[in-house]
PDB file of all heavy atoms in Angstrom:
ATOM      1  N   ILE A   1      22.262  22.333  -9.234  1.00  0.00           N
ATOM      2  CA  ILE A   1      23.169  22.082  -8.104  1.00  0.00           C
ATOM      3  C   ILE A   1      23.784  20.684  -8.143  1.00  0.00           C
ATOM      4  O   ILE A   1      24.987  20.517  -7.946  1.00  0.00           O
ATOM      5  CB  ILE A   1      22.429  22.278  -6.759  1.00  0.00           C
ATOM      6  CG1 ILE A   1      22.080  23.748  -6.562  1.00  0.00           C
ATOM      7  CG2 ILE A   1      23.277  21.771  -5.593  1.00  0.00           C
ATOM      8  CD1 ILE A   1      21.214  24.006  -5.343  1.00  0.00           C
ATOM      9  N   HIS A   2      22.957  19.677  -8.382  1.00  0.00           N
ATOM     10  CA  HIS A   2      23.388  18.296  -8.177  1.00  0.00           C
ATOM     11  C   HIS A   2      23.766  17.535  -9.441  1.00  0.00           C
ATOM     12  O   HIS A   2      24.432  16.513  -9.351  1.00  0.00           O
ATOM     13  CB  HIS A   2      22.292  17.505  -7.454  1.00  0.00           C
ATOM     14  CG  HIS A   2      21.919  18.072  -6.130  1.00  0.00           C
ATOM     15  ND1 HIS A   2      22.746  18.013  -5.026  1.00  0.00           N
ATOM     16  CD2 HIS A   2      20.802  18.732  -5.730  1.00  0.00           C
ATOM     17  CE1 HIS A   2      22.160  18.601  -4.010  1.00  0.00           C
ATOM     18  NE2 HIS A   2      20.974  19.039  -4.398  1.00  0.00           N
ATOM     19  N   ALA A   3      23.305  17.984 -10.612  1.00  0.00           N
ATOM     20  CA  ALA A   3      23.409  17.111 -11.777  1.00  0.00           C
ATOM     21  C   ALA A   3      24.043  17.754 -12.999  1.00  0.00           C
ATOM     22  O   ALA A   3      23.954  17.203 -14.086  1.00  0.00           O
ATOM     23  CB  ALA A   3      22.018  16.600 -12.144  1.00  0.00           C
ATOM     24  N   ASP A   4      24.642  18.899 -12.853  1.00  0.00           N
ATOM     25  CA  ASP A   4      25.259  19.576 -13.996  1.00  0.00           C
ATOM     26  C   ASP A   4      24.256  19.784 -15.133  1.00  0.00           C
ATOM     27  O   ASP A   4      24.576  19.660 -16.301  1.00  0.00           O
ATOM     28  CB  ASP A   4      26.493  18.815 -14.487  1.00  0.00           C
ATOM     29  CG  ASP A   4      27.380  19.690 -15.361  1.00  0.00           C
ATOM     30  OD1 ASP A   4      27.355  20.923 -15.181  1.00  0.00           O
ATOM     31  OD2 ASP A   4      28.079  19.154 -16.229  1.00  0.00           O
ATOM     32  N   GLY A   5      23.014  20.075 -14.739  1.00  0.00           N
ATOM     33  CA  GLY A   5      21.992  20.413 -15.725  1.00  0.00           C
ATOM     34  C   GLY A   5      21.169  19.240 -16.186  1.00  0.00           C
ATOM     35  O   GLY A   5      21.247  18.138 -15.659  1.00  0.00           O
ATOM     36  N   GLY A   6      20.351  19.525 -17.183  1.00  0.00           N
ATOM     37  CA  GLY A   6      19.452  18.510 -17.730  1.00  0.00           C
ATOM     38  C   GLY A   6      18.442  19.159 -18.641  1.00  0.00           C
ATOM     39  O   GLY A   6      18.720  20.188 -19.269  1.00  0.00           O
ATOM     40  N   GLN A   7      17.251  18.597 -18.666  1.00  0.00           N
ATOM     41  CA  GLN A   7      16.201  19.128 -19.532  1.00  0.00           C
ATOM     42  C   GLN A   7      14.843  18.950 -18.857  1.00  0.00           C
ATOM     43  O   GLN A   7      14.586  17.922 -18.239  1.00  0.00           O
ATOM     44  CB  GLN A   7      16.202  18.397 -20.873  1.00  0.00           C
ATOM     45  CG  GLN A   7      15.131  18.886 -21.834  1.00  0.00           C
ATOM     46  CD  GLN A   7      15.333  18.342 -23.220  1.00  0.00           C
ATOM     47  OE1 GLN A   7      16.262  18.734 -23.901  1.00  0.00           O
ATOM     48  NE2 GLN A   7      14.459  17.432 -23.640  1.00  0.00           N
ATOM     49  N   ALA A   8      14.005  19.960 -19.010  1.00  0.00           N
ATOM     50  CA  ALA A   8      12.638  19.875 -18.511  1.00  0.00           C
ATOM     51  C   ALA A   8      11.687  19.915 -19.697  1.00  0.00           C
ATOM     52  O   ALA A   8      11.838  20.757 -20.589  1.00  0.00           O
ATOM     53  CB  ALA A   8      12.345  21.033 -17.561  1.00  0.00           C
ATOM     54  N   GLU A   9      10.741  18.994 -19.694  1.00  0.00           N
ATOM     55  CA  GLU A   9       9.711  18.954 -20.722  1.00  0.00           C
ATOM     56  C   GLU A   9       8.371  19.154 -20.035  1.00  0.00           C
ATOM     57  O   GLU A   9       8.064  18.485 -19.043  1.00  0.00           O
ATOM     58  CB  GLU A   9       9.723  17.612 -21.444  1.00  0.00           C
ATOM     59  CG  GLU A   9      11.031  17.336 -22.161  1.00  0.00           C
ATOM     60  CD  GLU A   9      11.106  15.926 -22.726  1.00  0.00           C
ATOM     61  OE1 GLU A   9      10.139  15.148 -22.567  1.00  0.00           O
ATOM     62  OE2 GLU A   9      12.144  15.602 -23.318  1.00  0.00           O
ATOM     63  N   VAL A  10       7.586  20.082 -20.574  1.00  0.00           N
ATOM     64  CA  VAL A  10       6.295  20.406 -19.983  1.00  0.00           C
ATOM     65  C   VAL A  10       5.214  20.148 -21.023  1.00  0.00           C
ATOM     66  O   VAL A  10       5.327  20.594 -22.157  1.00  0.00           O
ATOM     67  CB  VAL A  10       6.249  21.891 -19.538  1.00  0.00           C
ATOM     68  CG1 VAL A  10       4.901  22.218 -18.918  1.00  0.00           C
ATOM     69  CG2 VAL A  10       7.387  22.207 -18.578  1.00  0.00           C
ATOM     70  N   GLU A  11       4.188  19.420 -20.618  1.00  0.00           N
ATOM     71  CA  GLU A  11       3.024  19.200 -21.481  1.00  0.00           C
ATOM     72  C   GLU A  11       1.807  19.782 -20.773  1.00  0.00           C
ATOM     73  O   GLU A  11       1.504  19.410 -19.635  1.00  0.00           O
ATOM     74  CB  GLU A  11       2.797  17.711 -21.749  1.00  0.00           C
ATOM     75  CG  GLU A  11       3.817  17.112 -22.670  1.00  0.00           C
ATOM     76  CD  GLU A  11       3.437  15.693 -23.112  1.00  0.00           C
ATOM     77  OE1 GLU A  11       2.289  15.272 -22.902  1.00  0.00           O
ATOM     78  OE2 GLU A  11       4.322  15.030 -23.661  1.00  0.00           O
ATOM     79  N   VAL A  12       1.149  20.701 -21.464  1.00  0.00           N
ATOM     80  CA  VAL A  12      -0.055  21.317 -20.919  1.00  0.00           C
ATOM     81  C   VAL A  12      -1.233  20.772 -21.704  1.00  0.00           C
ATOM     82  O   VAL A  12      -1.366  21.035 -22.903  1.00  0.00           O
ATOM     83  CB  VAL A  12      -0.003  22.859 -21.035  1.00  0.00           C
ATOM     84  CG1 VAL A  12      -1.237  23.476 -20.393  1.00  0.00           C
ATOM     85  CG2 VAL A  12       1.274  23.405 -20.403  1.00  0.00           C
ATOM     86  N   GLY A  13      -2.059  19.995 -21.021  1.00  0.00           N
ATOM     87  CA  GLY A  13      -3.243  19.428 -21.653  1.00  0.00           C
ATOM     88  C   GLY A  13      -4.495  20.116 -21.155  1.00  0.00           C
ATOM     89  O   GLY A  13      -4.438  21.097 -20.400  1.00  0.00           O
ATOM     90  N   LEU A  14      -5.608  19.606 -21.548  1.00  0.00           N
ATOM     91  CA  LEU A  14      -6.887  20.190 -21.176  1.00  0.00           C
ATOM     92  C   LEU A  14      -7.124  20.140 -19.674  1.00  0.00           C
ATOM     93  O   LEU A  14      -7.628  21.100 -19.085  1.00  0.00           O
ATOM     94  CB  LEU A  14      -8.018  19.457 -21.911  1.00  0.00           C
ATOM     95  CG  LEU A  14      -9.409  20.031 -21.771  1.00  0.00           C
ATOM     96  CD1 LEU A  14      -9.444  21.476 -22.273  1.00  0.00           C
ATOM     97  CD2 LEU A  14     -10.407  19.188 -22.543  1.00  0.00           C
ATOM     98  N   ASP A  15      -6.731  19.035 -19.034  1.00  0.00           N
ATOM     99  CA  ASP A  15      -7.033  18.879 -17.616  1.00  0.00           C
ATOM    100  C   ASP A  15      -5.813  18.593 -16.734  1.00  0.00           C
ATOM    101  O   ASP A  15      -5.958  18.314 -15.551  1.00  0.00           O
ATOM    102  CB  ASP A  15      -8.075  17.777 -17.423  1.00  0.00           C
ATOM    103  CG  ASP A  15      -7.634  16.434 -17.994  1.00  0.00           C
ATOM    104  OD1 ASP A  15      -6.529  16.365 -18.565  1.00  0.00           O
ATOM    105  OD2 ASP A  15      -8.384  15.460 -17.870  1.00  0.00           O
ATOM    106  N   GLU A  16      -4.597  18.676 -17.319  1.00  0.00           N
ATOM    107  CA  GLU A  16      -3.412  18.322 -16.534  1.00  0.00           C
ATOM    108  C   GLU A  16      -2.142  18.915 -17.134  1.00  0.00           C
ATOM    109  O   GLU A  16      -2.011  19.023 -18.345  1.00  0.00           O
ATOM    110  CB  GLU A  16      -3.305  16.794 -16.501  1.00  0.00           C
ATOM    111  CG  GLU A  16      -2.223  16.231 -15.643  1.00  0.00           C
ATOM    112  CD  GLU A  16      -2.319  14.717 -15.571  1.00  0.00           C
ATOM    113  OE1 GLU A  16      -1.979  14.057 -16.578  1.00  0.00           O
ATOM    114  OE2 GLU A  16      -2.740  14.202 -14.524  1.00  0.00           O
ATOM    115  N   ILE A  17      -1.222  19.280 -16.245  1.00  0.00           N
ATOM    116  CA  ILE A  17       0.120  19.697 -16.646  1.00  0.00           C
ATOM    117  C   ILE A  17       1.063  18.583 -16.200  1.00  0.00           C
ATOM    118  O   ILE A  17       1.010  18.132 -15.054  1.00  0.00           O
ATOM    119  CB  ILE A  17       0.544  21.014 -15.969  1.00  0.00           C
ATOM    120  CG1 ILE A  17      -0.386  22.150 -16.373  1.00  0.00           C
ATOM    121  CG2 ILE A  17       1.999  21.360 -16.310  1.00  0.00           C
ATOM    122  CD1 ILE A  17      -0.185  23.423 -15.561  1.00  0.00           C
ATOM    123  N   THR A  18       1.908  18.133 -17.118  1.00  0.00           N
ATOM    124  CA  THR A  18       2.933  17.139 -16.782  1.00  0.00           C
ATOM    125  C   THR A  18       4.292  17.794 -16.968  1.00  0.00           C
ATOM    126  O   THR A  18       4.570  18.363 -18.026  1.00  0.00           O
ATOM    127  CB  THR A  18       2.828  15.894 -17.692  1.00  0.00           C
ATOM    128  OG1 THR A  18       1.522  15.320 -17.531  1.00  0.00           O
ATOM    129  CG2 THR A  18       3.887  14.864 -17.329  1.00  0.00           C
ATOM    130  N   ILE A  19       5.108  17.717 -15.944  1.00  0.00           N
ATOM    131  CA  ILE A  19       6.472  18.250 -16.002  1.00  0.00           C
ATOM    132  C   ILE A  19       7.418  17.076 -15.795  1.00  0.00           C
ATOM    133  O   ILE A  19       7.351  16.380 -14.779  1.00  0.00           O
ATOM    134  CB  ILE A  19       6.718  19.326 -14.923  1.00  0.00           C
ATOM    135  CG1 ILE A  19       5.695  20.456 -15.043  1.00  0.00           C
ATOM    136  CG2 ILE A  19       8.150  19.859 -15.019  1.00  0.00           C
ATOM    137  CD1 ILE A  19       5.725  21.435 -13.881  1.00  0.00           C
ATOM    138  N   ARG A  20       8.295  16.871 -16.778  1.00  0.00           N
ATOM    139  CA  ARG A  20       9.274  15.773 -16.711  1.00  0.00           C
ATOM    140  C   ARG A  20      10.667  16.393 -16.731  1.00  0.00           C
ATOM    141  O   ARG A  20      11.045  17.057 -17.695  1.00  0.00           O
ATOM    142  CB  ARG A  20       9.094  14.839 -17.904  1.00  0.00           C
ATOM    143  CG  ARG A  20      10.005  13.639 -17.888  1.00  0.00           C
ATOM    144  CD  ARG A  20       9.745  12.751 -19.115  1.00  0.00           C
ATOM    145  NE  ARG A  20      10.505  11.525 -19.065  1.00  0.00           N
ATOM    146  CZ  ARG A  20      11.771  11.414 -19.447  1.00  0.00           C
ATOM    147  NH1 ARG A  20      12.420  12.460 -19.929  1.00  0.00           N
ATOM    148  NH2 ARG A  20      12.389  10.252 -19.360  1.00  0.00           N
ATOM    149  N   MET A  21      11.409  16.208 -15.643  1.00  0.00           N
ATOM    150  CA  MET A  21      12.742  16.788 -15.505  1.00  0.00           C
ATOM    151  C   MET A  21      13.764  15.667 -15.478  1.00  0.00           C
ATOM    152  O   MET A  21      13.730  14.815 -14.593  1.00  0.00           O
ATOM    153  CB  MET A  21      12.801  17.631 -14.235  1.00  0.00           C
ATOM    154  CG  MET A  21      11.831  18.817 -14.289  1.00  0.00           C
ATOM    155  SD  MET A  21      11.519  19.602 -12.703  1.00  0.00           S
ATOM    156  CE  MET A  21      10.324  18.470 -11.980  1.00  0.00           C
ATOM    157  N   GLU A  22      14.655  15.674 -16.462  1.00  0.00           N
ATOM    158  CA  GLU A  22      15.633  14.591 -16.600  1.00  0.00           C
ATOM    159  C   GLU A  22      17.048  15.144 -16.553  1.00  0.00           C
ATOM    160  O   GLU A  22      17.353  16.138 -17.204  1.00  0.00           O
ATOM    161  CB  GLU A  22      15.426  13.854 -17.924  1.00  0.00           C
ATOM    162  CG  GLU A  22      16.403  12.716 -18.131  1.00  0.00           C
ATOM    163  CD  GLU A  22      16.122  11.901 -19.383  1.00  0.00           C
ATOM    164  OE1 GLU A  22      15.212  12.277 -20.150  1.00  0.00           O
ATOM    165  OE2 GLU A  22      16.818  10.902 -19.589  1.00  0.00           O
ATOM    166  N   ASP A  23      17.889  14.474 -15.780  1.00  0.00           N
ATOM    167  CA  ASP A  23      19.298  14.850 -15.744  1.00  0.00           C
ATOM    168  C   ASP A  23      20.157  13.618 -15.942  1.00  0.00           C
ATOM    169  O   ASP A  23      19.657  12.502 -15.944  1.00  0.00           O
ATOM    170  CB  ASP A  23      19.647  15.562 -14.419  1.00  0.00           C
ATOM    171  CG  ASP A  23      19.580  14.644 -13.204  1.00  0.00           C
ATOM    172  OD1 ASP A  23      20.250  13.584 -13.201  1.00  0.00           O
ATOM    173  OD2 ASP A  23      18.874  14.977 -12.237  1.00  0.00           O
ATOM    174  N   HIS A  24      21.419  13.851 -16.130  1.00  0.00           N
ATOM    175  CA  HIS A  24      22.383  12.756 -16.273  1.00  0.00           C
ATOM    176  C   HIS A  24      23.443  12.885 -15.185  1.00  0.00           C
ATOM    177  O   HIS A  24      24.620  12.689 -15.419  1.00  0.00           O
ATOM    178  CB  HIS A  24      23.008  12.771 -17.670  1.00  0.00           C
ATOM    179  CG  HIS A  24      21.984  12.652 -18.754  1.00  0.00           C
ATOM    180  ND1 HIS A  24      21.313  11.477 -19.002  1.00  0.00           N
ATOM    181  CD2 HIS A  24      21.486  13.554 -19.617  1.00  0.00           C
ATOM    182  CE1 HIS A  24      20.454  11.671 -19.989  1.00  0.00           C
ATOM    183  NE2 HIS A  24      20.539  12.919 -20.369  1.00  0.00           N
ATOM    184  N   GLY A  25      22.953  13.225 -14.002  1.00  0.00           N
ATOM    185  CA  GLY A  25      23.837  13.433 -12.863  1.00  0.00           C
ATOM    186  C   GLY A  25      24.164  12.147 -12.140  1.00  0.00           C
ATOM    187  O   GLY A  25      24.055  11.055 -12.699  1.00  0.00           O
ATOM    188  N   PRO A  26      24.519  12.265 -10.869  1.00  0.00           N
ATOM    189  CA  PRO A  26      24.981  11.110 -10.107  1.00  0.00           C
ATOM    190  C   PRO A  26      23.877  10.172  -9.637  1.00  0.00           C
ATOM    191  O   PRO A  26      24.170   9.101  -9.121  1.00  0.00           O
ATOM    192  CB  PRO A  26      25.684  11.751  -8.908  1.00  0.00           C
ATOM    193  CG  PRO A  26      24.950  13.042  -8.713  1.00  0.00           C
ATOM    194  CD  PRO A  26      24.615  13.513 -10.111  1.00  0.00           C
ATOM    195  N   GLY A  27      22.618  10.550  -9.817  1.00  0.00           N
ATOM    196  CA  GLY A  27      21.524   9.741  -9.286  1.00  0.00           C
ATOM    197  C   GLY A  27      21.354  10.000  -7.797  1.00  0.00           C
ATOM    198  O   GLY A  27      22.156  10.684  -7.165  1.00  0.00           O
ATOM    199  N   ILE A  28      20.281   9.464  -7.251  1.00  0.00           N
ATOM    200  CA  ILE A  28      19.971   9.658  -5.830  1.00  0.00           C
ATOM    201  C   ILE A  28      20.144   8.318  -5.126  1.00  0.00           C
ATOM    202  O   ILE A  28      19.349   7.393  -5.348  1.00  0.00           O
ATOM    203  CB  ILE A  28      18.531  10.178  -5.648  1.00  0.00           C
ATOM    204  CG1 ILE A  28      18.334  11.482  -6.420  1.00  0.00           C
ATOM    205  CG2 ILE A  28      18.225  10.380  -4.158  1.00  0.00           C
ATOM    206  CD1 ILE A  28      16.887  11.948  -6.490  1.00  0.00           C
ATOM    207  N   PRO A  29      21.165   8.183  -4.277  1.00  0.00           N
ATOM    208  CA  PRO A  29      21.420   6.901  -3.617  1.00  0.00           C
ATOM    209  C   PRO A  29      20.294   6.439  -2.683  1.00  0.00           C
ATOM    210  O   PRO A  29      20.025   5.260  -2.575  1.00  0.00           O
ATOM    211  CB  PRO A  29      22.696   7.140  -2.814  1.00  0.00           C
ATOM    212  CG  PRO A  29      23.307   8.363  -3.377  1.00  0.00           C
ATOM    213  CD  PRO A  29      22.194   9.165  -3.981  1.00  0.00           C
ATOM    214  N   ASP A  30      19.631   7.394  -2.000  1.00  0.00           N
ATOM    215  CA  ASP A  30      18.592   7.045  -1.034  1.00  0.00           C
ATOM    216  C   ASP A  30      17.425   8.013  -1.210  1.00  0.00           C
ATOM    217  O   ASP A  30      17.415   9.101  -0.624  1.00  0.00           O
ATOM    218  CB  ASP A  30      19.155   7.114   0.387  1.00  0.00           C
ATOM    219  CG  ASP A  30      18.180   6.630   1.448  1.00  0.00           C
ATOM    220  OD1 ASP A  30      16.957   6.585   1.189  1.00  0.00           O
ATOM    221  OD2 ASP A  30      18.648   6.304   2.558  1.00  0.00           O
ATOM    222  N   VAL A  31      16.442   7.630  -2.010  1.00  0.00           N
ATOM    223  CA  VAL A  31      15.301   8.511  -2.315  1.00  0.00           C
ATOM    224  C   VAL A  31      14.522   8.848  -1.047  1.00  0.00           C
ATOM    225  O   VAL A  31      14.110   9.996  -0.859  1.00  0.00           O
ATOM    226  CB  VAL A  31      14.379   7.880  -3.383  1.00  0.00           C
ATOM    227  CG1 VAL A  31      13.116   8.700  -3.562  1.00  0.00           C
ATOM    228  CG2 VAL A  31      15.119   7.744  -4.708  1.00  0.00           C
ATOM    229  N   ASN A  32      14.329   7.879  -0.157  1.00  0.00           N
ATOM    230  CA  ASN A  32      13.592   8.164   1.077  1.00  0.00           C
ATOM    231  C   ASN A  32      14.278   9.247   1.891  1.00  0.00           C
ATOM    232  O   ASN A  32      13.625  10.153   2.423  1.00  0.00           O
ATOM    233  CB  ASN A  32      13.414   6.892   1.915  1.00  0.00           C
ATOM    234  CG  ASN A  32      12.446   5.921   1.275  1.00  0.00           C
ATOM    235  OD1 ASN A  32      11.520   6.327   0.567  1.00  0.00           O
ATOM    236  ND2 ASN A  32      12.656   4.638   1.504  1.00  0.00           N
ATOM    237  N   LYS A  33      15.586   9.172   1.995  1.00  0.00           N
ATOM    238  CA  LYS A  33      16.347  10.193   2.733  1.00  0.00           C
ATOM    239  C   LYS A  33      16.234  11.546   2.021  1.00  0.00           C
ATOM    240  O   LYS A  33      16.046  12.583   2.658  1.00  0.00           O
ATOM    241  CB  LYS A  33      17.816   9.763   2.846  1.00  0.00           C
ATOM    242  CG  LYS A  33      18.641  10.638   3.737  1.00  0.00           C
ATOM    243  CD  LYS A  33      18.337  10.328   5.176  1.00  0.00           C
ATOM    244  CE  LYS A  33      19.281  11.066   6.090  1.00  0.00           C
ATOM    245  NZ  LYS A  33      18.798  11.073   7.473  1.00  0.00           N
ATOM    246  N   ALA A  34      16.342  11.535   0.687  1.00  0.00           N
ATOM    247  CA  ALA A  34      16.256  12.773  -0.089  1.00  0.00           C
ATOM    248  C   ALA A  34      14.879  13.431   0.039  1.00  0.00           C
ATOM    249  O   ALA A  34      14.761  14.643  -0.144  1.00  0.00           O
ATOM    250  CB  ALA A  34      16.564  12.487  -1.558  1.00  0.00           C
ATOM    251  N   MET A  35      13.862  12.663   0.372  1.00  0.00           N
ATOM    252  CA  MET A  35      12.507  13.204   0.541  1.00  0.00           C
ATOM    253  C   MET A  35      12.288  13.820   1.923  1.00  0.00           C
ATOM    254  O   MET A  35      11.274  14.461   2.161  1.00  0.00           O
ATOM    255  CB  MET A  35      11.463  12.112   0.293  1.00  0.00           C
ATOM    256  CG  MET A  35      11.354  11.664  -1.146  1.00  0.00           C
ATOM    257  SD  MET A  35      10.906  12.986  -2.302  1.00  0.00           S
ATOM    258  CE  MET A  35       9.298  13.457  -1.687  1.00  0.00           C
ATOM    259  N   GLU A  36      13.232  13.655   2.823  1.00  0.00           N
ATOM    260  CA  GLU A  36      13.109  14.239   4.162  1.00  0.00           C
ATOM    261  C   GLU A  36      13.376  15.743   4.103  1.00  0.00           C
ATOM    262  O   GLU A  36      14.391  16.180   3.549  1.00  0.00           O
ATOM    263  CB  GLU A  36      14.106  13.595   5.124  1.00  0.00           C
ATOM    264  CG  GLU A  36      13.821  12.153   5.446  1.00  0.00           C
ATOM    265  CD  GLU A  36      14.866  11.536   6.372  1.00  0.00           C
ATOM    266  OE1 GLU A  36      15.696  12.282   6.954  1.00  0.00           O
ATOM    267  OE2 GLU A  36      14.859  10.298   6.497  1.00  0.00           O
ATOM    268  N   GLU A  37      12.482  16.519   4.688  1.00  0.00           N
ATOM    269  CA  GLU A  37      12.677  17.966   4.722  1.00  0.00           C
ATOM    270  C   GLU A  37      13.965  18.293   5.470  1.00  0.00           C
ATOM    271  O   GLU A  37      14.206  17.784   6.551  1.00  0.00           O
ATOM    272  CB  GLU A  37      11.484  18.651   5.385  1.00  0.00           C
ATOM    273  CG  GLU A  37      10.232  18.568   4.556  1.00  0.00           C
ATOM    274  CD  GLU A  37       9.081  19.386   5.123  1.00  0.00           C
ATOM    275  OE1 GLU A  37       9.284  20.177   6.064  1.00  0.00           O
ATOM    276  OE2 GLU A  37       7.964  19.226   4.606  1.00  0.00           O
ATOM    277  N   GLY A  38      14.788  19.120   4.857  1.00  0.00           N
ATOM    278  CA  GLY A  38      16.034  19.551   5.476  1.00  0.00           C
ATOM    279  C   GLY A  38      17.250  18.734   5.085  1.00  0.00           C
ATOM    280  O   GLY A  38      18.379  19.165   5.311  1.00  0.00           O
ATOM    281  N   PHE A  39      17.059  17.561   4.496  1.00  0.00           N
ATOM    282  CA  PHE A  39      18.208  16.761   4.065  1.00  0.00           C
ATOM    283  C   PHE A  39      18.746  17.328   2.756  1.00  0.00           C
ATOM    284  O   PHE A  39      17.999  17.559   1.812  1.00  0.00           O
ATOM    285  CB  PHE A  39      17.823  15.295   3.856  1.00  0.00           C
ATOM    286  CG  PHE A  39      18.959  14.470   3.315  1.00  0.00           C
ATOM    287  CD1 PHE A  39      19.978  14.035   4.146  1.00  0.00           C
ATOM    288  CD2 PHE A  39      19.042  14.169   1.963  1.00  0.00           C
ATOM    289  CE1 PHE A  39      21.042  13.293   3.650  1.00  0.00           C
ATOM    290  CE2 PHE A  39      20.099  13.429   1.456  1.00  0.00           C
ATOM    291  CZ  PHE A  39      21.101  12.996   2.304  1.00  0.00           C
ATOM    292  N   SER A  40      20.049  17.567   2.704  1.00  0.00           N
ATOM    293  CA  SER A  40      20.647  18.132   1.498  1.00  0.00           C
ATOM    294  C   SER A  40      22.079  17.655   1.339  1.00  0.00           C
ATOM    295  O   SER A  40      22.798  17.491   2.318  1.00  0.00           O
ATOM    296  CB  SER A  40      20.644  19.667   1.574  1.00  0.00           C
ATOM    297  OG  SER A  40      21.269  20.217   0.437  1.00  0.00           O
TER     298      SER A  40
END
């Protein structure tokens, strides 16, 4: 929706899954606001 795509990398280890999602979109101007439920 926001970044015209990107790439997700998933590492599954013995005790943890790490998911790294990277895009080259516009960035997030206000992360605190973006973390509010319902803000879009």
